[in-house]
Amino acid sequence: MEAVKRGDKALATLKKEFEEGKLILGMKRTLKLLRKNKIEKIYLSATYPKAILEREELKNIKVENLTLNSSELGKYLGKSFPIAVIGVAKNENVR
């Protein structure tokens, strides 16, 4: 994929976490689990909703900004829909 730059460590880590089943796709589900303290990190696409950074829940969590827009991010993960926000679960049993 053209938009994926070689050596982009965040995208490589994201892909690995996706294969391990640790990712929560979507803002609504991610924020819900974040409130329950079940998210360890959040990835944001280049076109994420700017209001999300104003959320109090995000003040104490690691946030990674990606170079892909939401459509490219969805395709990168093999999905047919755009993804703007991705949470990384503290363990893969969170759903």
PDB file of N, CA and C in Angstrom:
ATOM      1  N   MET A   1       0.857  -1.177   0.000  1.00  0.00           N
ATOM      2  CA  MET A   1       0.000   0.000   0.000  1.00  0.00           C
ATOM      3  C   MET A   1       0.896   1.230   0.000  1.00  0.00           C
ATOM      4  N   GLU A   2       0.613   2.186  -0.870  1.00  0.00           N
ATOM      5  CA  GLU A   2       1.447   3.365  -1.022  1.00  0.00           C
ATOM      6  C   GLU A   2       1.515   4.217   0.230  1.00  0.00           C
ATOM      7  N   ALA A   3       0.400   4.358   0.918  1.00  0.00           N
ATOM      8  CA  ALA A   3       0.349   5.253   2.069  1.00  0.00           C
ATOM      9  C   ALA A   3       1.143   4.721   3.259  1.00  0.00           C
ATOM     10  N   VAL A   4       1.407   3.447   3.276  1.00  0.00           N
ATOM     11  CA  VAL A   4       2.159   2.865   4.384  1.00  0.00           C
ATOM     12  C   VAL A   4       3.649   3.051   4.110  1.00  0.00           C
ATOM     13  N   LYS A   5       4.287   3.849   4.929  1.00  0.00           N
ATOM     14  CA  LYS A   5       5.708   4.110   4.756  1.00  0.00           C
ATOM     15  C   LYS A   5       6.507   2.970   5.356  1.00  0.00           C
ATOM     16  N   ARG A   6       7.584   2.614   4.685  1.00  0.00           N
ATOM     17  CA  ARG A   6       8.467   1.588   5.227  1.00  0.00           C
ATOM     18  C   ARG A   6       9.080   2.094   6.519  1.00  0.00           C
ATOM     19  N   GLY A   7       9.195   1.202   7.455  1.00  0.00           N
ATOM     20  CA  GLY A   7       9.814   1.571   8.715  1.00  0.00           C
ATOM     21  C   GLY A   7       8.878   2.273   9.679  1.00  0.00           C
ATOM     22  N   ASP A   8       7.609   2.362   9.353  1.00  0.00           N
ATOM     23  CA  ASP A   8       6.669   3.006  10.266  1.00  0.00           C
ATOM     24  C   ASP A   8       6.401   2.037  11.416  1.00  0.00           C
ATOM     25  N   LYS A   9       7.087   2.261  12.505  1.00  0.00           N
ATOM     26  CA  LYS A   9       7.044   1.342  13.648  1.00  0.00           C
ATOM     27  C   LYS A   9       5.643   1.216  14.239  1.00  0.00           C
ATOM     28  N   ALA A  10       4.913   2.327  14.307  1.00  0.00           N
ATOM     29  CA  ALA A  10       3.562   2.289  14.879  1.00  0.00           C
ATOM     30  C   ALA A  10       2.651   1.378  14.064  1.00  0.00           C
ATOM     31  N   LEU A  11       2.753   1.436  12.743  1.00  0.00           N
ATOM     32  CA  LEU A  11       1.908   0.584  11.902  1.00  0.00           C
ATOM     33  C   LEU A  11       2.300  -0.886  12.014  1.00  0.00           C
ATOM     34  N   ALA A  12       3.583  -1.141  12.143  1.00  0.00           N
ATOM     35  CA  ALA A  12       4.032  -2.525  12.314  1.00  0.00           C
ATOM     36  C   ALA A  12       3.516  -3.093  13.635  1.00  0.00           C
ATOM     37  N   THR A  13       3.585  -2.294  14.681  1.00  0.00           N
ATOM     38  CA  THR A  13       3.080  -2.715  15.989  1.00  0.00           C
ATOM     39  C   THR A  13       1.573  -2.918  15.931  1.00  0.00           C
ATOM     40  N   LEU A  14       0.879  -2.002  15.260  1.00  0.00           N
ATOM     41  CA  LEU A  14      -0.569  -2.099  15.112  1.00  0.00           C
ATOM     42  C   LEU A  14      -0.959  -3.405  14.421  1.00  0.00           C
ATOM     43  N   LYS A  15      -0.284  -3.729  13.349  1.00  0.00           N
ATOM     44  CA  LYS A  15      -0.582  -4.959  12.602  1.00  0.00           C
ATOM     45  C   LYS A  15      -0.368  -6.193  13.483  1.00  0.00           C
ATOM     46  N   LYS A  16       0.704  -6.186  14.267  1.00  0.00           N
ATOM     47  CA  LYS A  16       0.988  -7.310  15.172  1.00  0.00           C
ATOM     48  C   LYS A  16      -0.115  -7.452  16.217  1.00  0.00           C
ATOM     49  N   GLU A  17      -0.539  -6.337  16.800  1.00  0.00           N
ATOM     50  CA  GLU A  17      -1.604  -6.363  17.805  1.00  0.00           C
ATOM     51  C   GLU A  17      -2.929  -6.811  17.188  1.00  0.00           C
ATOM     52  N   PHE A  18      -3.157  -6.439  15.928  1.00  0.00           N
ATOM     53  CA  PHE A  18      -4.359  -6.871  15.215  1.00  0.00           C
ATOM     54  C   PHE A  18      -4.364  -8.390  15.065  1.00  0.00           C
ATOM     55  N   GLU A  19      -3.223  -8.942  14.677  1.00  0.00           N
ATOM     56  CA  GLU A  19      -3.109 -10.390  14.495  1.00  0.00           C
ATOM     57  C   GLU A  19      -3.251 -11.142  15.814  1.00  0.00           C
ATOM     58  N   GLU A  20      -2.879 -10.496  16.921  1.00  0.00           N
ATOM     59  CA  GLU A  20      -3.011 -11.104  18.247  1.00  0.00           C
ATOM     60  C   GLU A  20      -4.429 -10.983  18.803  1.00  0.00           C
ATOM     61  N   GLY A  21      -5.288 -10.229  18.125  1.00  0.00           N
ATOM     62  CA  GLY A  21      -6.666 -10.068  18.562  1.00  0.00           C
ATOM     63  C   GLY A  21      -6.850  -9.090  19.706  1.00  0.00           C
ATOM     64  N   LYS A  22      -5.927  -8.145  19.853  1.00  0.00           N
ATOM     65  CA  LYS A  22      -5.979  -7.208  20.973  1.00  0.00           C
ATOM     66  C   LYS A  22      -6.674  -5.888  20.636  1.00  0.00           C
ATOM     67  N   LEU A  23      -7.057  -5.673  19.370  1.00  0.00           N
ATOM     68  CA  LEU A  23      -7.584  -4.372  18.972  1.00  0.00           C
ATOM     69  C   LEU A  23      -9.094  -4.270  19.119  1.00  0.00           C
ATOM     70  N   ILE A  24      -9.525  -3.095  19.555  1.00  0.00           N
ATOM     71  CA  ILE A  24     -10.935  -2.736  19.634  1.00  0.00           C
ATOM     72  C   ILE A  24     -11.140  -1.641  18.593  1.00  0.00           C
ATOM     73  N   LEU A  25     -11.954  -1.912  17.583  1.00  0.00           N
ATOM     74  CA  LEU A  25     -12.153  -0.969  16.486  1.00  0.00           C
ATOM     75  C   LEU A  25     -13.331  -0.052  16.764  1.00  0.00           C
ATOM     76  N   GLY A  26     -13.129   1.243  16.561  1.00  0.00           N
ATOM     77  CA  GLY A  26     -14.207   2.212  16.687  1.00  0.00           C
ATOM     78  C   GLY A  26     -14.151   3.035  17.962  1.00  0.00           C
ATOM     79  N   MET A  27     -14.576   4.284  17.837  1.00  0.00           N
ATOM     80  CA  MET A  27     -14.521   5.212  18.954  1.00  0.00           C
ATOM     81  C   MET A  27     -15.468   4.824  20.080  1.00  0.00           C
ATOM     82  N   LYS A  28     -16.685   4.442  19.744  1.00  0.00           N
ATOM     83  CA  LYS A  28     -17.693   4.142  20.765  1.00  0.00           C
ATOM     84  C   LYS A  28     -17.256   2.980  21.659  1.00  0.00           C
ATOM     85  N   ARG A  29     -16.855   1.869  21.049  1.00  0.00           N
ATOM     86  CA  ARG A  29     -16.420   0.696  21.826  1.00  0.00           C
ATOM     87  C   ARG A  29     -15.139   0.978  22.596  1.00  0.00           C
ATOM     88  N   THR A  30     -14.215   1.708  21.971  1.00  0.00           N
ATOM     89  CA  THR A  30     -12.955   2.022  22.639  1.00  0.00           C
ATOM     90  C   THR A  30     -13.186   2.874  23.873  1.00  0.00           C
ATOM     91  N   LEU A  31     -14.014   3.913  23.755  1.00  0.00           N
ATOM     92  CA  LEU A  31     -14.281   4.780  24.905  1.00  0.00           C
ATOM     93  C   LEU A  31     -15.027   4.038  26.010  1.00  0.00           C
ATOM     94  N   LYS A  32     -15.927   3.150  25.625  1.00  0.00           N
ATOM     95  CA  LYS A  32     -16.667   2.365  26.617  1.00  0.00           C
ATOM     96  C   LYS A  32     -15.713   1.504  27.447  1.00  0.00           C
ATOM     97  N   LEU A  33     -14.788   0.828  26.777  1.00  0.00           N
ATOM     98  CA  LEU A  33     -13.826  -0.012  27.487  1.00  0.00           C
ATOM     99  C   LEU A  33     -12.776   0.819  28.220  1.00  0.00           C
ATOM    100  N   LEU A  34     -12.481   1.989  27.709  1.00  0.00           N
ATOM    101  CA  LEU A  34     -11.534   2.877  28.377  1.00  0.00           C
ATOM    102  C   LEU A  34     -12.071   3.311  29.736  1.00  0.00           C
ATOM    103  N   ARG A  35     -13.371   3.592  29.795  1.00  0.00           N
ATOM    104  CA  ARG A  35     -13.999   3.961  31.068  1.00  0.00           C
ATOM    105  C   ARG A  35     -13.931   2.817  32.078  1.00  0.00           C
ATOM    106  N   LYS A  36     -13.875   1.582  31.584  1.00  0.00           N
ATOM    107  CA  LYS A  36     -13.774   0.409  32.461  1.00  0.00           C
ATOM    108  C   LYS A  36     -12.315   0.026  32.730  1.00  0.00           C
ATOM    109  N   ASN A  37     -11.391   0.875  32.283  1.00  0.00           N
ATOM    110  CA  ASN A  37      -9.951   0.668  32.485  1.00  0.00           C
ATOM    111  C   ASN A  37      -9.450  -0.625  31.834  1.00  0.00           C
ATOM    112  N   LYS A  38      -9.943  -0.923  30.631  1.00  0.00           N
ATOM    113  CA  LYS A  38      -9.548  -2.140  29.930  1.00  0.00           C
ATOM    114  C   LYS A  38      -8.758  -1.853  28.655  1.00  0.00           C
ATOM    115  N   ILE A  39      -8.374  -0.590  28.460  1.00  0.00           N
ATOM    116  CA  ILE A  39      -7.605  -0.181  27.283  1.00  0.00           C
ATOM    117  C   ILE A  39      -6.248   0.333  27.748  1.00  0.00           C
ATOM    118  N   GLU A  40      -5.176  -0.114  27.072  1.00  0.00           N
ATOM    119  CA  GLU A  40      -3.846   0.337  27.461  1.00  0.00           C
ATOM    120  C   GLU A  40      -3.279   1.408  26.535  1.00  0.00           C
ATOM    121  N   LYS A  41      -3.761   1.483  25.300  1.00  0.00           N
ATOM    122  CA  LYS A  41      -3.239   2.442  24.328  1.00  0.00           C
ATOM    123  C   LYS A  41      -4.300   2.692  23.272  1.00  0.00           C
ATOM    124  N   ILE A  42      -4.222   3.870  22.638  1.00  0.00           N
ATOM    125  CA  ILE A  42      -5.167   4.216  21.571  1.00  0.00           C
ATOM    126  C   ILE A  42      -4.388   4.671  20.345  1.00  0.00           C
ATOM    127  N   TYR A  43      -4.827   4.197  19.184  1.00  0.00           N
ATOM    128  CA  TYR A  43      -4.302   4.656  17.902  1.00  0.00           C
ATOM    129  C   TYR A  43      -5.348   5.561  17.265  1.00  0.00           C
ATOM    130  N   LEU A  44      -4.898   6.675  16.686  1.00  0.00           N
ATOM    131  CA  LEU A  44      -5.788   7.595  15.986  1.00  0.00           C
ATOM    132  C   LEU A  44      -5.339   7.726  14.544  1.00  0.00           C
ATOM    133  N   SER A  45      -6.286   7.650  13.610  1.00  0.00           N
ATOM    134  CA  SER A  45      -5.956   7.863  12.204  1.00  0.00           C
ATOM    135  C   SER A  45      -5.652   9.341  11.993  1.00  0.00           C
ATOM    136  N   ALA A  46      -5.143   9.678  10.831  1.00  0.00           N
ATOM    137  CA  ALA A  46      -4.833  11.075  10.522  1.00  0.00           C
ATOM    138  C   ALA A  46      -6.101  11.922  10.455  1.00  0.00           C
ATOM    139  N   THR A  47      -7.255  11.287  10.265  1.00  0.00           N
ATOM    140  CA  THR A  47      -8.525  12.020  10.150  1.00  0.00           C
ATOM    141  C   THR A  47      -9.465  11.695  11.302  1.00  0.00           C
ATOM    142  N   TYR A  48      -8.918  11.526  12.496  1.00  0.00           N
ATOM    143  CA  TYR A  48      -9.744  11.199  13.662  1.00  0.00           C
ATOM    144  C   TYR A  48     -10.617  12.387  14.057  1.00  0.00           C
ATOM    145  N   PRO A  49     -11.733  12.161  14.751  1.00  0.00           N
ATOM    146  CA  PRO A  49     -12.577  13.262  15.232  1.00  0.00           C
ATOM    147  C   PRO A  49     -11.815  14.058  16.295  1.00  0.00           C
ATOM    148  N   LYS A  50     -11.593  15.329  16.051  1.00  0.00           N
ATOM    149  CA  LYS A  50     -10.768  16.158  16.941  1.00  0.00           C
ATOM    150  C   LYS A  50     -11.333  16.249  18.359  1.00  0.00           C
ATOM    151  N   ALA A  51     -12.618  16.088  18.516  1.00  0.00           N
ATOM    152  CA  ALA A  51     -13.245  16.190  19.840  1.00  0.00           C
ATOM    153  C   ALA A  51     -12.805  15.065  20.773  1.00  0.00           C
ATOM    154  N   ILE A  52     -12.286  13.988  20.220  1.00  0.00           N
ATOM    155  CA  ILE A  52     -11.907  12.864  21.080  1.00  0.00           C
ATOM    156  C   ILE A  52     -10.778  13.236  22.035  1.00  0.00           C
ATOM    157  N   LEU A  53      -9.880  14.117  21.625  1.00  0.00           N
ATOM    158  CA  LEU A  53      -8.765  14.486  22.497  1.00  0.00           C
ATOM    159  C   LEU A  53      -9.207  15.315  23.694  1.00  0.00           C
ATOM    160  N   GLU A  54     -10.419  15.838  23.654  1.00  0.00           N
ATOM    161  CA  GLU A  54     -10.947  16.610  24.774  1.00  0.00           C
ATOM    162  C   GLU A  54     -11.527  15.710  25.863  1.00  0.00           C
ATOM    163  N   ARG A  55     -11.633  14.432  25.594  1.00  0.00           N
ATOM    164  CA  ARG A  55     -12.215  13.490  26.552  1.00  0.00           C
ATOM    165  C   ARG A  55     -11.301  13.332  27.763  1.00  0.00           C
ATOM    166  N   GLU A  56     -11.889  13.373  28.924  1.00  0.00           N
ATOM    167  CA  GLU A  56     -11.137  13.233  30.176  1.00  0.00           C
ATOM    168  C   GLU A  56     -10.460  11.860  30.277  1.00  0.00           C
ATOM    169  N   GLU A  57     -11.094  10.833  29.714  1.00  0.00           N
ATOM    170  CA  GLU A  57     -10.558   9.477  29.796  1.00  0.00           C
ATOM    171  C   GLU A  57      -9.188   9.339  29.134  1.00  0.00           C
ATOM    172  N   LEU A  58      -8.886  10.213  28.170  1.00  0.00           N
ATOM    173  CA  LEU A  58      -7.639  10.103  27.414  1.00  0.00           C
ATOM    174  C   LEU A  58      -6.455  10.792  28.079  1.00  0.00           C
ATOM    175  N   LYS A  59      -6.678  11.456  29.179  1.00  0.00           N
ATOM    176  CA  LYS A  59      -5.608  12.220  29.818  1.00  0.00           C
ATOM    177  C   LYS A  59      -4.476  11.329  30.321  1.00  0.00           C
ATOM    178  N   ASN A  60      -4.768  10.103  30.725  1.00  0.00           N
ATOM    179  CA  ASN A  60      -3.763   9.235  31.341  1.00  0.00           C
ATOM    180  C   ASN A  60      -3.461   7.985  30.524  1.00  0.00           C
ATOM    181  N   ILE A  61      -3.559   8.093  29.208  1.00  0.00           N
ATOM    182  CA  ILE A  61      -3.330   6.919  28.364  1.00  0.00           C
ATOM    183  C   ILE A  61      -2.444   7.305  27.186  1.00  0.00           C
ATOM    184  N   LYS A  62      -1.664   6.355  26.710  1.00  0.00           N
ATOM    185  CA  LYS A  62      -0.785   6.604  25.573  1.00  0.00           C
ATOM    186  C   LYS A  62      -1.618   6.676  24.294  1.00  0.00           C
ATOM    187  N   VAL A  63      -1.383   7.726  23.507  1.00  0.00           N
ATOM    188  CA  VAL A  63      -2.101   7.922  22.242  1.00  0.00           C
ATOM    189  C   VAL A  63      -1.080   7.978  21.113  1.00  0.00           C
ATOM    190  N   GLU A  64      -1.257   7.123  20.108  1.00  0.00           N
ATOM    191  CA  GLU A  64      -0.383   7.087  18.930  1.00  0.00           C
ATOM    192  C   GLU A  64      -1.133   7.679  17.741  1.00  0.00           C
ATOM    193  N   ASN A  65      -0.543   8.669  17.089  1.00  0.00           N
ATOM    194  CA  ASN A  65      -1.118   9.236  15.872  1.00  0.00           C
ATOM    195  C   ASN A  65      -0.507   8.525  14.670  1.00  0.00           C
ATOM    196  N   LEU A  66      -1.357   8.028  13.795  1.00  0.00           N
ATOM    197  CA  LEU A  66      -0.917   7.296  12.613  1.00  0.00           C
ATOM    198  C   LEU A  66      -0.904   8.203  11.391  1.00  0.00           C
ATOM    199  N   THR A  67      -0.163   7.806  10.361  1.00  0.00           N
ATOM    200  CA  THR A  67      -0.069   8.587   9.133  1.00  0.00           C
ATOM    201  C   THR A  67      -1.206   8.296   8.160  1.00  0.00           C
ATOM    202  N   LEU A  68      -1.936   7.214   8.371  1.00  0.00           N
ATOM    203  CA  LEU A  68      -3.024   6.830   7.467  1.00  0.00           C
ATOM    204  C   LEU A  68      -4.322   7.533   7.837  1.00  0.00           C
ATOM    205  N   ASN A  69      -5.119   7.896   6.814  1.00  0.00           N
ATOM    206  CA  ASN A  69      -6.455   8.417   7.122  1.00  0.00           C
ATOM    207  C   ASN A  69      -7.356   7.229   7.464  1.00  0.00           C
ATOM    208  N   SER A  70      -8.575   7.500   7.866  1.00  0.00           N
ATOM    209  CA  SER A  70      -9.445   6.428   8.364  1.00  0.00           C
ATOM    210  C   SER A  70      -9.774   5.379   7.295  1.00  0.00           C
ATOM    211  N   SER A  71      -9.951   5.789   6.057  1.00  0.00           N
ATOM    212  CA  SER A  71     -10.225   4.817   4.986  1.00  0.00           C
ATOM    213  C   SER A  71      -9.020   3.921   4.735  1.00  0.00           C
ATOM    214  N   GLU A  72      -7.832   4.527   4.685  1.00  0.00           N
ATOM    215  CA  GLU A  72      -6.610   3.754   4.477  1.00  0.00           C
ATOM    216  C   GLU A  72      -6.347   2.803   5.649  1.00  0.00           C
ATOM    217  N   LEU A  73      -6.648   3.261   6.851  1.00  0.00           N
ATOM    218  CA  LEU A  73      -6.441   2.429   8.036  1.00  0.00           C
ATOM    219  C   LEU A  73      -7.355   1.204   8.008  1.00  0.00           C
ATOM    220  N   GLY A  74      -8.605   1.404   7.611  1.00  0.00           N
ATOM    221  CA  GLY A  74      -9.519   0.277   7.475  1.00  0.00           C
ATOM    222  C   GLY A  74      -9.013  -0.739   6.465  1.00  0.00           C
ATOM    223  N   LYS A  75      -8.546  -0.260   5.322  1.00  0.00           N
ATOM    224  CA  LYS A  75      -8.013  -1.154   4.290  1.00  0.00           C
ATOM    225  C   LYS A  75      -6.739  -1.852   4.768  1.00  0.00           C
ATOM    226  N   TYR A  76      -5.901  -1.131   5.504  1.00  0.00           N
ATOM    227  CA  TYR A  76      -4.653  -1.699   6.023  1.00  0.00           C
ATOM    228  C   TYR A  76      -4.928  -2.902   6.924  1.00  0.00           C
ATOM    229  N   LEU A  77      -6.026  -2.822   7.668  1.00  0.00           N
ATOM    230  CA  LEU A  77      -6.392  -3.917   8.567  1.00  0.00           C
ATOM    231  C   LEU A  77      -7.322  -4.932   7.904  1.00  0.00           C
ATOM    232  N   GLY A  78      -7.558  -4.780   6.596  1.00  0.00           N
ATOM    233  CA  GLY A  78      -8.372  -5.744   5.864  1.00  0.00           C
ATOM    234  C   GLY A  78      -9.865  -5.569   6.051  1.00  0.00           C
ATOM    235  N   LYS A  79     -10.282  -4.384   6.442  1.00  0.00           N
ATOM    236  CA  LYS A  79     -11.703  -4.104   6.656  1.00  0.00           C
ATOM    237  C   LYS A  79     -12.243  -3.296   5.481  1.00  0.00           C
ATOM    238  N   SER A  80     -13.549  -3.370   5.275  1.00  0.00           N
ATOM    239  CA  SER A  80     -14.178  -2.651   4.162  1.00  0.00           C
ATOM    240  C   SER A  80     -14.805  -1.338   4.620  1.00  0.00           C
ATOM    241  N   PHE A  81     -14.434  -0.876   5.795  1.00  0.00           N
ATOM    242  CA  PHE A  81     -14.997   0.360   6.340  1.00  0.00           C
ATOM    243  C   PHE A  81     -13.878   1.199   6.957  1.00  0.00           C
ATOM    244  N   PRO A  82     -14.090   2.515   7.051  1.00  0.00           N
ATOM    245  CA  PRO A  82     -13.064   3.379   7.648  1.00  0.00           C
ATOM    246  C   PRO A  82     -12.984   3.190   9.164  1.00  0.00           C
ATOM    247  N   ILE A  83     -11.779   3.342   9.694  1.00  0.00           N
ATOM    248  CA  ILE A  83     -11.540   3.221  11.135  1.00  0.00           C
ATOM    249  C   ILE A  83     -10.734   4.437  11.578  1.00  0.00           C
ATOM    250  N   ALA A  84     -11.287   5.244  12.465  1.00  0.00           N
ATOM    251  CA  ALA A  84     -10.597   6.444  12.934  1.00  0.00           C
ATOM    252  C   ALA A  84      -9.941   6.243  14.289  1.00  0.00           C
ATOM    253  N   VAL A  85     -10.530   5.398  15.129  1.00  0.00           N
ATOM    254  CA  VAL A  85     -10.039   5.194  16.496  1.00  0.00           C
ATOM    255  C   VAL A  85      -9.919   3.696  16.767  1.00  0.00           C
ATOM    256  N   ILE A  86      -8.770   3.310  17.323  1.00  0.00           N
ATOM    257  CA  ILE A  86      -8.525   1.913  17.672  1.00  0.00           C
ATOM    258  C   ILE A  86      -7.978   1.860  19.087  1.00  0.00           C
ATOM    259  N   GLY A  87      -8.560   1.005  19.898  1.00  0.00           N
ATOM    260  CA  GLY A  87      -8.048   0.786  21.244  1.00  0.00           C
ATOM    261  C   GLY A  87      -7.291  -0.523  21.309  1.00  0.00           C
ATOM    262  N   VAL A  88      -6.289  -0.576  22.165  1.00  0.00           N
ATOM    263  CA  VAL A  88      -5.541  -1.810  22.396  1.00  0.00           C
ATOM    264  C   VAL A  88      -5.943  -2.322  23.770  1.00  0.00           C
ATOM    265  N   ALA A  89      -6.544  -3.492  23.796  1.00  0.00           N
ATOM    266  CA  ALA A  89      -7.017  -4.078  25.049  1.00  0.00           C
ATOM    267  C   ALA A  89      -5.844  -4.515  25.918  1.00  0.00           C
ATOM    268  N   LYS A  90      -6.036  -4.417  27.221  1.00  0.00           N
ATOM    269  CA  LYS A  90      -4.995  -4.860  28.152  1.00  0.00           C
ATOM    270  C   LYS A  90      -4.795  -6.366  28.074  1.00  0.00           C
ATOM    271  N   ASN A  91      -5.828  -7.104  27.718  1.00  0.00           N
ATOM    272  CA  ASN A  91      -5.691  -8.532  27.419  1.00  0.00           C
ATOM    273  C   ASN A  91      -6.640  -8.853  26.278  1.00  0.00           C
ATOM    274  N   GLU A  92      -6.358  -9.921  25.532  1.00  0.00           N
ATOM    275  CA  GLU A  92      -7.139 -10.197  24.320  1.00  0.00           C
ATOM    276  C   GLU A  92      -8.524 -10.754  24.575  1.00  0.00           C
ATOM    277  N   ASN A  93      -8.894 -10.989  25.813  1.00  0.00           N
ATOM    278  CA  ASN A  93     -10.222 -11.520  26.119  1.00  0.00           C
ATOM    279  C   ASN A  93     -11.284 -10.437  26.255  1.00  0.00           C
ATOM    280  N   VAL A  94     -10.934  -9.198  26.043  1.00  0.00           N
ATOM    281  CA  VAL A  94     -11.885  -8.090  26.164  1.00  0.00           C
ATOM    282  C   VAL A  94     -12.673  -7.981  24.871  1.00  0.00           C
ATOM    283  N   ARG A  95     -13.978  -7.982  24.972  1.00  0.00           N
ATOM    284  CA  ARG A  95     -14.844  -7.800  23.794  1.00  0.00           C
ATOM    285  C   ARG A  95     -16.068  -7.050  24.168  1.00  0.00           C
TER     286      ARG A  95
END
